[in-house]
PDB file of all heavy atoms in Angstrom:
ATOM      1  N   ALA A   1      55.300 105.480  61.440  1.00  0.00           N
ATOM      2  CA  ALA A   1      55.397 105.914  62.820  1.00  0.00           C
ATOM      3  C   ALA A   1      54.440 105.100  63.673  1.00  0.00           C
ATOM      4  O   ALA A   1      53.227 105.157  63.465  1.00  0.00           O
ATOM      5  CB  ALA A   1      55.078 107.409  62.940  1.00  0.00           C
ATOM      6  N   LYS A   2      54.971 104.374  64.613  1.00  0.00           N
ATOM      7  CA  LYS A   2      54.144 103.570  65.505  1.00  0.00           C
ATOM      8  C   LYS A   2      53.760 104.411  66.737  1.00  0.00           C
ATOM      9  O   LYS A   2      54.630 104.754  67.543  1.00  0.00           O
ATOM     10  CB  LYS A   2      54.877 102.293  65.902  1.00  0.00           C
ATOM     11  CG  LYS A   2      55.222 101.385  64.732  1.00  0.00           C
ATOM     12  CD  LYS A   2      56.006 100.186  65.131  1.00  0.00           C
ATOM     13  CE  LYS A   2      55.229  99.252  66.045  1.00  0.00           C
ATOM     14  NZ  LYS A   2      55.989  98.017  66.383  1.00  0.00           N
ATOM     15  N   VAL A   3      52.520 104.734  66.849  1.00  0.00           N
ATOM     16  CA  VAL A   3      52.042 105.593  67.934  1.00  0.00           C
ATOM     17  C   VAL A   3      51.721 104.708  69.129  1.00  0.00           C
ATOM     18  O   VAL A   3      50.756 103.948  69.121  1.00  0.00           O
ATOM     19  CB  VAL A   3      50.812 106.402  67.504  1.00  0.00           C
ATOM     20  CG1 VAL A   3      50.282 107.248  68.665  1.00  0.00           C
ATOM     21  CG2 VAL A   3      51.166 107.303  66.318  1.00  0.00           C
ATOM     22  N   GLU A   4      52.567 104.799  70.163  1.00  0.00           N
ATOM     23  CA  GLU A   4      52.387 103.931  71.325  1.00  0.00           C
ATOM     24  C   GLU A   4      52.906 104.568  72.620  1.00  0.00           C
ATOM     25  O   GLU A   4      53.031 103.871  73.643  1.00  0.00           O
ATOM     26  CB  GLU A   4      53.062 102.578  71.078  1.00  0.00           C
ATOM     27  CG  GLU A   4      54.495 102.665  70.612  1.00  0.00           C
ATOM     28  CD  GLU A   4      55.006 101.369  70.009  1.00  0.00           C
ATOM     29  OE1 GLU A   4      54.520 100.290  70.378  1.00  0.00           O
ATOM     30  OE2 GLU A   4      55.932 101.423  69.166  1.00  0.00           O
ATOM     31  N   THR A   5      53.257 105.847  72.591  1.00  0.00           N
ATOM     32  CA  THR A   5      53.747 106.514  73.795  1.00  0.00           C
ATOM     33  C   THR A   5      52.907 107.742  74.084  1.00  0.00           C
ATOM     34  O   THR A   5      52.207 108.271  73.205  1.00  0.00           O
ATOM     35  CB  THR A   5      55.213 106.965  73.632  1.00  0.00           C
ATOM     36  OG1 THR A   5      55.273 108.007  72.637  1.00  0.00           O
ATOM     37  CG2 THR A   5      56.126 105.793  73.221  1.00  0.00           C
ATOM     38  N   LEU A   6      52.983 108.222  75.323  1.00  0.00           N
ATOM     39  CA  LEU A   6      52.281 109.440  75.701  1.00  0.00           C
ATOM     40  C   LEU A   6      52.823 110.635  74.941  1.00  0.00           C
ATOM     41  O   LEU A   6      52.084 111.542  74.540  1.00  0.00           O
ATOM     42  CB  LEU A   6      52.392 109.661  77.210  1.00  0.00           C
ATOM     43  CG  LEU A   6      51.840 108.532  78.104  1.00  0.00           C
ATOM     44  CD1 LEU A   6      52.059 108.850  79.561  1.00  0.00           C
ATOM     45  CD2 LEU A   6      50.370 108.286  77.813  1.00  0.00           C
ATOM     46  N   SER A   7      54.148 110.634  74.700  1.00  0.00           N
ATOM     47  CA  SER A   7      54.760 111.726  73.935  1.00  0.00           C
ATOM     48  C   SER A   7      54.217 111.762  72.512  1.00  0.00           C
ATOM     49  O   SER A   7      53.957 112.839  71.945  1.00  0.00           O
ATOM     50  CB  SER A   7      56.284 111.562  73.903  1.00  0.00           C
ATOM     51  OG  SER A   7      56.827 111.613  75.182  1.00  0.00           O
ATOM     52  N   ALA A   8      54.014 110.594  71.926  1.00  0.00           N
ATOM     53  CA  ALA A   8      53.473 110.539  70.553  1.00  0.00           C
ATOM     54  C   ALA A   8      52.064 111.091  70.506  1.00  0.00           C
ATOM     55  O   ALA A   8      51.701 111.789  69.547  1.00  0.00           O
ATOM     56  CB  ALA A   8      53.505 109.112  70.038  1.00  0.00           C
ATOM     57  N   LEU A   9      51.258 110.823  71.515  1.00  0.00           N
ATOM     58  CA  LEU A   9      49.904 111.357  71.550  1.00  0.00           C
ATOM     59  C   LEU A   9      49.934 112.883  71.681  1.00  0.00           C
ATOM     60  O   LEU A   9      49.134 113.579  71.053  1.00  0.00           O
ATOM     61  CB  LEU A   9      49.108 110.732  72.684  1.00  0.00           C
ATOM     62  CG  LEU A   9      48.793 109.235  72.534  1.00  0.00           C
ATOM     63  CD1 LEU A   9      48.064 108.719  73.763  1.00  0.00           C
ATOM     64  CD2 LEU A   9      47.942 108.983  71.289  1.00  0.00           C
ATOM     65  N   ARG A  10      50.864 113.381  72.461  1.00  0.00           N
ATOM     66  CA  ARG A  10      50.967 114.849  72.615  1.00  0.00           C
ATOM     67  C   ARG A  10      51.425 115.517  71.329  1.00  0.00           C
ATOM     68  O   ARG A  10      51.050 116.649  71.052  1.00  0.00           O
ATOM     69  CB  ARG A  10      51.961 115.186  73.749  1.00  0.00           C
ATOM     70  CG  ARG A  10      51.425 114.902  75.139  1.00  0.00           C
ATOM     71  CD  ARG A  10      52.321 115.551  76.204  1.00  0.00           C
ATOM     72  NE  ARG A  10      53.670 114.960  76.233  1.00  0.00           N
ATOM     73  CZ  ARG A  10      54.012 113.939  77.012  1.00  0.00           C
ATOM     74  NH1 ARG A  10      53.103 113.389  77.826  1.00  0.00           N
ATOM     75  NH2 ARG A  10      55.243 113.464  76.989  1.00  0.00           N
ATOM     76  N   ASN A  11      52.234 114.809  70.538  1.00  0.00           N
ATOM     77  CA  ASN A  11      52.791 115.358  69.301  1.00  0.00           C
ATOM     78  C   ASN A  11      52.153 114.753  68.054  1.00  0.00           C
ATOM     79  O   ASN A  11      52.766 114.701  66.981  1.00  0.00           O
ATOM     80  CB  ASN A  11      54.308 115.128  69.260  1.00  0.00           C
ATOM     81  CG  ASN A  11      55.032 115.808  70.396  1.00  0.00           C
ATOM     82  OD1 ASN A  11      54.833 117.002  70.642  1.00  0.00           O
ATOM     83  ND2 ASN A  11      55.842 115.061  71.124  1.00  0.00           N
ATOM     84  N   LEU A  12      50.921 114.293  68.188  1.00  0.00           N
ATOM     85  CA  LEU A  12      50.290 113.473  67.152  1.00  0.00           C
ATOM     86  C   LEU A  12      50.211 114.193  65.811  1.00  0.00           C
ATOM     87  O   LEU A  12      50.530 113.606  64.767  1.00  0.00           O
ATOM     88  CB  LEU A  12      48.896 113.031  67.609  1.00  0.00           C
ATOM     89  CG  LEU A  12      48.157 112.066  66.660  1.00  0.00           C
ATOM     90  CD1 LEU A  12      48.974 110.805  66.446  1.00  0.00           C
ATOM     91  CD2 LEU A  12      46.779 111.723  67.244  1.00  0.00           C
ATOM     92  N   ASP A  13      49.785 115.430  65.789  1.00  0.00           N
ATOM     93  CA  ASP A  13      49.603 116.132  64.514  1.00  0.00           C
ATOM     94  C   ASP A  13      50.908 116.220  63.718  1.00  0.00           C
ATOM     95  O   ASP A  13      50.913 115.940  62.501  1.00  0.00           O
ATOM     96  CB  ASP A  13      49.049 117.544  64.757  1.00  0.00           C
ATOM     97  CG  ASP A  13      47.583 117.538  65.196  1.00  0.00           C
ATOM     98  OD1 ASP A  13      46.928 116.515  65.004  1.00  0.00           O
ATOM     99  OD2 ASP A  13      47.119 118.555  65.746  1.00  0.00           O
ATOM    100  N   SER A  14      51.980 116.598  64.399  1.00  0.00           N
ATOM    101  CA  SER A  14      53.248 116.743  63.672  1.00  0.00           C
ATOM    102  C   SER A  14      53.814 115.370  63.281  1.00  0.00           C
ATOM    103  O   SER A  14      54.471 115.253  62.223  1.00  0.00           O
ATOM    104  CB  SER A  14      54.254 117.497  64.530  1.00  0.00           C
ATOM    105  OG  SER A  14      54.503 116.842  65.748  1.00  0.00           O
ATOM    106  N   ILE A  15      53.575 114.350  64.062  1.00  0.00           N
ATOM    107  CA  ILE A  15      54.036 112.995  63.714  1.00  0.00           C
ATOM    108  C   ILE A  15      53.305 112.492  62.472  1.00  0.00           C
ATOM    109  O   ILE A  15      53.918 111.941  61.540  1.00  0.00           O
ATOM    110  CB  ILE A  15      53.863 112.035  64.901  1.00  0.00           C
ATOM    111  CG1 ILE A  15      54.884 112.342  65.986  1.00  0.00           C
ATOM    112  CG2 ILE A  15      53.981 110.569  64.453  1.00  0.00           C
ATOM    113  CD1 ILE A  15      54.658 111.603  67.285  1.00  0.00           C
ATOM    114  N   VAL A  16      51.984 112.686  62.434  1.00  0.00           N
ATOM    115  CA  VAL A  16      51.200 112.275  61.267  1.00  0.00           C
ATOM    116  C   VAL A  16      51.711 112.996  60.022  1.00  0.00           C
ATOM    117  O   VAL A  16      51.888 112.406  58.966  1.00  0.00           O
ATOM    118  CB  VAL A  16      49.700 112.550  61.483  1.00  0.00           C
ATOM    119  CG1 VAL A  16      48.912 112.360  60.193  1.00  0.00           C
ATOM    120  CG2 VAL A  16      49.155 111.613  62.577  1.00  0.00           C
ATOM    121  N   GLU A  17      51.971 114.290  60.152  1.00  0.00           N
ATOM    122  CA  GLU A  17      52.440 115.093  59.030  1.00  0.00           C
ATOM    123  C   GLU A  17      53.809 114.611  58.533  1.00  0.00           C
ATOM    124  O   GLU A  17      54.063 114.539  57.306  1.00  0.00           O
ATOM    125  CB  GLU A  17      52.537 116.558  59.428  1.00  0.00           C
ATOM    126  CG  GLU A  17      53.013 117.494  58.341  1.00  0.00           C
ATOM    127  CD  GLU A  17      52.065 117.569  57.164  1.00  0.00           C
ATOM    128  OE1 GLU A  17      50.847 117.346  57.348  1.00  0.00           O
ATOM    129  OE2 GLU A  17      52.551 117.850  56.026  1.00  0.00           O
ATOM    130  N   ALA A  18      54.690 114.211  59.446  1.00  0.00           N
ATOM    131  CA  ALA A  18      56.053 113.832  59.067  1.00  0.00           C
ATOM    132  C   ALA A  18      56.139 112.415  58.524  1.00  0.00           C
ATOM    133  O   ALA A  18      57.110 112.084  57.820  1.00  0.00           O
ATOM    134  CB  ALA A  18      56.966 113.953  60.285  1.00  0.00           C
ATOM    135  N   SER A  19      55.172 111.573  58.791  1.00  0.00           N
ATOM    136  CA  SER A  19      55.257 110.144  58.487  1.00  0.00           C
ATOM    137  C   SER A  19      54.743 109.822  57.091  1.00  0.00           C
ATOM    138  O   SER A  19      53.917 110.539  56.528  1.00  0.00           O
ATOM    139  CB  SER A  19      54.469 109.338  59.506  1.00  0.00           C
ATOM    140  OG  SER A  19      54.892 109.626  60.823  1.00  0.00           O
ATOM    141  N   ASP A  20      55.223 108.706  56.551  1.00  0.00           N
ATOM    142  CA  ASP A  20      54.651 108.164  55.319  1.00  0.00           C
ATOM    143  C   ASP A  20      53.409 107.358  55.620  1.00  0.00           C
ATOM    144  O   ASP A  20      52.504 107.261  54.786  1.00  0.00           O
ATOM    145  CB  ASP A  20      55.673 107.290  54.599  1.00  0.00           C
ATOM    146  CG  ASP A  20      56.900 108.063  54.185  1.00  0.00           C
ATOM    147  OD1 ASP A  20      56.768 109.048  53.447  1.00  0.00           O
ATOM    148  OD2 ASP A  20      58.014 107.707  54.617  1.00  0.00           O
ATOM    149  N   ALA A  21      53.355 106.770  56.802  1.00  0.00           N
ATOM    150  CA  ALA A  21      52.197 106.004  57.267  1.00  0.00           C
ATOM    151  C   ALA A  21      52.263 105.961  58.802  1.00  0.00           C
ATOM    152  O   ALA A  21      53.310 106.209  59.378  1.00  0.00           O
ATOM    153  CB  ALA A  21      52.194 104.595  56.689  1.00  0.00           C
ATOM    154  N   VAL A  22      51.115 105.654  59.400  1.00  0.00           N
ATOM    155  CA  VAL A  22      51.018 105.637  60.868  1.00  0.00           C
ATOM    156  C   VAL A  22      50.439 104.303  61.292  1.00  0.00           C
ATOM    157  O   VAL A  22      49.552 103.745  60.614  1.00  0.00           O
ATOM    158  CB  VAL A  22      50.126 106.801  61.357  1.00  0.00           C
ATOM    159  CG1 VAL A  22      49.865 106.687  62.861  1.00  0.00           C
ATOM    160  CG2 VAL A  22      50.767 108.138  61.037  1.00  0.00           C
ATOM    161  N   LEU A  23      50.956 103.784  62.399  1.00  0.00           N
ATOM    162  CA  LEU A  23      50.417 102.531  62.947  1.00  0.00           C
ATOM    163  C   LEU A  23      49.922 102.772  64.348  1.00  0.00           C
ATOM    164  O   LEU A  23      50.656 103.303  65.201  1.00  0.00           O
ATOM    165  CB  LEU A  23      51.475 101.436  62.936  1.00  0.00           C
ATOM    166  CG  LEU A  23      50.969 100.043  63.346  1.00  0.00           C
ATOM    167  CD1 LEU A  23      51.581  98.963  62.474  1.00  0.00           C
ATOM    168  CD2 LEU A  23      51.297  99.756  64.815  1.00  0.00           C
ATOM    169  N   VAL A  24      48.693 102.394  64.628  1.00  0.00           N
ATOM    170  CA  VAL A  24      48.128 102.465  65.975  1.00  0.00           C
ATOM    171  C   VAL A  24      48.544 101.194  66.704  1.00  0.00           C
ATOM    172  O   VAL A  24      48.017 100.108  66.446  1.00  0.00           O
ATOM    173  CB  VAL A  24      46.581 102.573  65.935  1.00  0.00           C
ATOM    174  CG1 VAL A  24      46.035 102.774  67.343  1.00  0.00           C
ATOM    175  CG2 VAL A  24      46.145 103.699  65.012  1.00  0.00           C
ATOM    176  N   ALA A  25      49.541 101.336  67.588  1.00  0.00           N
ATOM    177  CA  ALA A  25      50.101 100.174  68.287  1.00  0.00           C
ATOM    178  C   ALA A  25      49.378  99.978  69.623  1.00  0.00           C
ATOM    179  O   ALA A  25      49.766 100.505  70.658  1.00  0.00           O
ATOM    180  CB  ALA A  25      51.599 100.387  68.519  1.00  0.00           C
ATOM    181  N   ARG A  26      48.288  99.227  69.567  1.00  0.00           N
ATOM    182  CA  ARG A  26      47.400  99.154  70.720  1.00  0.00           C
ATOM    183  C   ARG A  26      48.023  98.435  71.908  1.00  0.00           C
ATOM    184  O   ARG A  26      47.617  98.670  73.059  1.00  0.00           O
ATOM    185  CB  ARG A  26      46.105  98.461  70.311  1.00  0.00           C
ATOM    186  CG  ARG A  26      45.421  99.132  69.145  1.00  0.00           C
ATOM    187  CD  ARG A  26      44.045  98.633  68.863  1.00  0.00           C
ATOM    188  NE  ARG A  26      43.962  97.176  68.710  1.00  0.00           N
ATOM    189  CZ  ARG A  26      42.818  96.529  68.380  1.00  0.00           C
ATOM    190  NH1 ARG A  26      41.730  97.225  68.189  1.00  0.00           N
ATOM    191  NH2 ARG A  26      42.812  95.231  68.256  1.00  0.00           N
ATOM    192  N   GLY A  27      49.024  97.595  71.655  1.00  0.00           N
ATOM    193  CA  GLY A  27      49.657  96.880  72.775  1.00  0.00           C
ATOM    194  C   GLY A  27      50.298  97.825  73.751  1.00  0.00           C
ATOM    195  O   GLY A  27      49.988  97.804  74.960  1.00  0.00           O
ATOM    196  N   ASP A  28      51.217  98.648  73.268  1.00  0.00           N
ATOM    197  CA  ASP A  28      51.897  99.565  74.186  1.00  0.00           C
ATOM    198  C   ASP A  28      51.025 100.732  74.586  1.00  0.00           C
ATOM    199  O   ASP A  28      51.167 101.273  75.690  1.00  0.00           O
ATOM    200  CB  ASP A  28      53.191 100.056  73.545  1.00  0.00           C
ATOM    201  CG  ASP A  28      54.337  99.074  73.798  1.00  0.00           C
ATOM    202  OD1 ASP A  28      54.951  99.164  74.860  1.00  0.00           O
ATOM    203  OD2 ASP A  28      54.546  98.203  72.944  1.00  0.00           O
ATOM    204  N   LEU A  29      50.075 101.144  73.741  1.00  0.00           N
ATOM    205  CA  LEU A  29      49.131 102.167  74.163  1.00  0.00           C
ATOM    206  C   LEU A  29      48.348 101.686  75.395  1.00  0.00           C
ATOM    207  O   LEU A  29      48.064 102.447  76.309  1.00  0.00           O
ATOM    208  CB  LEU A  29      48.154 102.495  73.034  1.00  0.00           C
ATOM    209  CG  LEU A  29      48.609 103.551  72.017  1.00  0.00           C
ATOM    210  CD1 LEU A  29      47.527 103.756  70.960  1.00  0.00           C
ATOM    211  CD2 LEU A  29      48.967 104.867  72.677  1.00  0.00           C
ATOM    212  N   GLY A  30      48.015 100.399  75.394  1.00  0.00           N
ATOM    213  CA  GLY A  30      47.257  99.824  76.505  1.00  0.00           C
ATOM    214  C   GLY A  30      48.079  99.705  77.786  1.00  0.00           C
ATOM    215  O   GLY A  30      47.511  99.461  78.865  1.00  0.00           O
ATOM    216  N   ILE A  31      49.391  99.856  77.672  1.00  0.00           N
ATOM    217  CA  ILE A  31      50.259  99.872  78.850  1.00  0.00           C
ATOM    218  C   ILE A  31      50.346 101.289  79.417  1.00  0.00           C
ATOM    219  O   ILE A  31      50.264 101.514  80.608  1.00  0.00           O
ATOM    220  CB  ILE A  31      51.660  99.341  78.492  1.00  0.00           C
ATOM    221  CG1 ILE A  31      51.605  97.828  78.223  1.00  0.00           C
ATOM    222  CG2 ILE A  31      52.647  99.627  79.618  1.00  0.00           C
ATOM    223  CD1 ILE A  31      52.905  97.268  77.719  1.00  0.00           C
ATOM    224  N   ARG A  32      50.503 102.243  78.529  1.00  0.00           N
ATOM    225  CA  ARG A  32      50.708 103.619  78.974  1.00  0.00           C
ATOM    226  C   ARG A  32      49.409 104.315  79.329  1.00  0.00           C
ATOM    227  O   ARG A  32      49.390 105.319  80.051  1.00  0.00           O
ATOM    228  CB  ARG A  32      51.468 104.402  77.905  1.00  0.00           C
ATOM    229  CG  ARG A  32      52.923 103.974  77.852  1.00  0.00           C
ATOM    230  CD  ARG A  32      53.608 104.311  76.564  1.00  0.00           C
ATOM    231  NE  ARG A  32      55.018 103.972  76.631  1.00  0.00           N
ATOM    232  CZ  ARG A  32      55.520 102.752  76.450  1.00  0.00           C
ATOM    233  NH1 ARG A  32      54.683 101.749  76.223  1.00  0.00           N
ATOM    234  NH2 ARG A  32      56.812 102.522  76.543  1.00  0.00           N
ATOM    235  N   LEU A  33      48.283 103.840  78.763  1.00  0.00           N
ATOM    236  CA  LEU A  33      46.969 104.384  79.046  1.00  0.00           C
ATOM    237  C   LEU A  33      46.162 103.378  79.844  1.00  0.00           C
ATOM    238  O   LEU A  33      46.514 102.199  79.920  1.00  0.00           O
ATOM    239  CB  LEU A  33      46.215 104.687  77.748  1.00  0.00           C
ATOM    240  CG  LEU A  33      46.872 105.634  76.735  1.00  0.00           C
ATOM    241  CD1 LEU A  33      46.107 105.578  75.434  1.00  0.00           C
ATOM    242  CD2 LEU A  33      46.910 107.049  77.279  1.00  0.00           C
TER     243      LEU A  33
END
């Protein structure tokens, strides 16, 4: 799960739980934040 949207940050706990691995996608995070 590539975390890079505001929705993903709001749902972070459940996304981490559902995923096999997580990627901090700083490029798009830096656009939305």
